[in-house]
Structure formats: C-alpha cells, structure tokens
C-alpha cells in the first residue's frame, strides 16, 4: 500500500471475520485495564466485564474493547451520563487505561 511520502508498506490480508482472533489475549488485557480504571472512577454493576464476539469489533485488526458508558433507556443513568462530572470521570478512566495499556505493550517488546 502507498504511504505518505511516496514509500510503500506491506499489508497482510486477513479474513474479515478472523481479524480480531490474533488479538484476543491483548484485547482481554485491555478490557481488564479498562474495567479497573472505570471502577476506580465511576460506579459499576457487579458483572461489568463480559467477553463475546462483538460485531462492531469483529473486523478490527488490533487489540480492541467495547465500552458501554450508560444505558440511555434507564432514566437514572441518562441523567448521570449528562453531568460534566460523570463525563470527566469516564474520560479520565479511558485516558488512563490507554496509557496503562500502552505501557503494557511497550514492556513486552
């Protein structure tokens, strides 16, 4: 594939439905870090971490996790999700998760 600057890079062709398969272990680590950070910033349910083949992540060729912040069909959660304090807490938790995950990946090199 062409790259900015005129060079090229090799790419692997991976079946769409198998793209995430090579990253399940790293995705599990990412999800665990996200859970820890979110739990330290916002109230969470008793079973916040679930593993399942998510259609929106299926073609992702990198570690990935889906974060559901609130259910807007729940009036209490909708009200909480609209507050700047809640939004800032979620943002901080995700930011800190990304930093921790990046450190995890760098330590494996």
Protein backbone atom coordinates (compact mmCIF):
# COMPACT_ATOMS: atom_id res chain seq x y z
CA UNK A 1 0.00 0.00 0.00
CA UNK A 2 1.21 3.53 -0.69
CA UNK A 3 2.31 5.54 2.32
CA UNK A 4 2.52 9.31 2.77
CA UNK A 5 5.90 10.41 1.41
CA UNK A 6 5.93 8.10 -1.59
CA UNK A 7 7.07 4.87 0.02
CA UNK A 8 5.07 1.68 0.38
CA UNK A 9 4.37 -0.83 3.13
CA UNK A 10 3.39 -4.48 3.08
CA UNK A 11 0.00 -5.44 4.46
CA UNK A 12 -1.40 -8.79 5.45
CA UNK A 13 -4.72 -9.90 4.01
CA UNK A 14 -6.90 -11.29 6.79
CA UNK A 15 -10.42 -12.60 6.53
CA UNK A 16 -12.81 -10.01 7.95
CA UNK A 17 -14.33 -12.44 10.46
CA UNK A 18 -10.90 -13.52 11.76
CA UNK A 19 -9.19 -10.13 12.06
CA UNK A 20 -9.63 -9.94 15.85
CA UNK A 21 -8.58 -13.55 16.50
CA UNK A 22 -4.86 -12.75 16.71
CA UNK A 23 -5.53 -10.04 19.31
CA UNK A 24 -7.80 -11.81 21.78
CA UNK A 25 -5.15 -12.02 24.53
CA UNK A 26 -4.22 -8.35 24.21
CA UNK A 27 -7.88 -7.35 23.97
CA UNK A 28 -8.54 -9.22 27.21
CA UNK A 29 -5.71 -7.31 28.91
CA UNK A 30 -7.10 -4.02 27.55
CA UNK A 31 -10.61 -4.87 28.79
CA UNK A 32 -9.25 -5.72 32.24
CA UNK A 33 -7.38 -2.43 32.46
CA UNK A 34 -10.48 -0.54 31.32
CA UNK A 35 -12.55 -2.26 33.99
CA UNK A 36 -10.06 -1.41 36.74
CA UNK A 37 -9.80 2.24 35.74
CA UNK A 38 -13.54 2.70 35.20
CA UNK A 39 -14.31 1.01 38.52
CA UNK A 40 -11.98 3.43 40.30
CA UNK A 41 -13.76 6.45 38.78
CA UNK A 42 -17.46 5.60 38.39
CA UNK A 43 -19.98 3.20 39.95
CA UNK A 44 -20.31 -0.05 38.03
CA UNK A 45 -22.50 -3.13 38.07
CA UNK A 46 -21.49 -6.46 39.54
CA UNK A 47 -20.63 -8.01 36.13
CA UNK A 48 -19.07 -5.20 34.13
CA UNK A 49 -16.65 -7.29 32.07
CA UNK A 50 -18.11 -9.67 29.52
CA UNK A 51 -16.43 -11.45 26.65
CA UNK A 52 -18.37 -12.09 23.45
CA UNK A 53 -17.84 -11.81 19.71
CA UNK A 54 -19.00 -8.24 19.13
CA UNK A 55 -19.92 -7.43 15.54
CA UNK A 56 -18.53 -3.89 15.81
CA UNK A 57 -15.10 -5.28 16.78
CA UNK A 58 -15.04 -8.31 14.50
CA UNK A 59 -13.06 -6.74 11.64
CA UNK A 60 -10.68 -4.83 13.88
CA UNK A 61 -7.09 -5.92 13.29
CA UNK A 62 -5.70 -4.68 16.61
CA UNK A 63 -6.46 -5.09 20.31
CA UNK A 64 -9.96 -3.73 20.94
CA UNK A 65 -12.66 -3.47 23.59
CA UNK A 66 -16.15 -2.04 23.61
CA UNK A 67 -17.05 0.36 26.42
CA UNK A 68 -20.72 0.98 27.15
CA UNK A 69 -20.81 4.02 29.38
CA UNK A 70 -24.51 4.19 30.24
CA UNK A 71 -27.88 2.94 29.12
CA UNK A 72 -29.87 5.94 27.95
CA UNK A 73 -33.07 3.92 28.23
CA UNK A 74 -32.51 3.98 32.00
CA UNK A 75 -33.63 7.40 33.28
CA UNK A 76 -31.18 7.44 36.21
CA UNK A 77 -28.21 6.51 34.02
CA UNK A 78 -29.25 9.01 31.35
CA UNK A 79 -29.36 11.79 33.96
CA UNK A 80 -25.97 10.77 35.39
CA UNK A 81 -24.37 10.48 31.93
CA UNK A 82 -25.36 14.06 31.10
CA UNK A 83 -23.38 15.56 34.00
CA UNK A 84 -19.94 17.09 33.35
CA UNK A 85 -18.54 15.28 36.41
CA UNK A 86 -19.55 11.84 35.07
CA UNK A 87 -18.25 12.65 31.59
CA UNK A 88 -14.93 13.84 33.02
CA UNK A 89 -14.62 10.70 35.16
CA UNK A 90 -15.25 8.44 32.16
CA UNK A 91 -12.81 10.41 30.02
CA UNK A 92 -10.10 10.22 32.68
CA UNK A 93 -10.62 6.49 33.19
CA UNK A 94 -10.36 5.75 29.47
CA UNK A 95 -7.32 8.01 29.10
CA UNK A 96 -5.53 6.31 32.00
CA UNK A 97 -6.47 2.92 30.55
CA UNK A 98 -4.88 3.78 27.21
CA UNK A 99 -1.69 4.92 28.95
CA UNK A 100 -1.52 1.73 31.03
CA UNK A 101 -2.19 -0.46 28.00
CA UNK A 102 0.48 1.34 26.01
CA UNK A 103 2.97 0.71 28.84
CA UNK A 104 1.92 -2.95 28.89
CA UNK A 105 2.60 -3.28 25.16
CA UNK A 106 5.94 -1.48 25.40
CA UNK A 107 7.07 -3.71 28.28
CA UNK A 108 6.50 -6.78 26.07
CA UNK A 109 8.96 -5.58 23.40
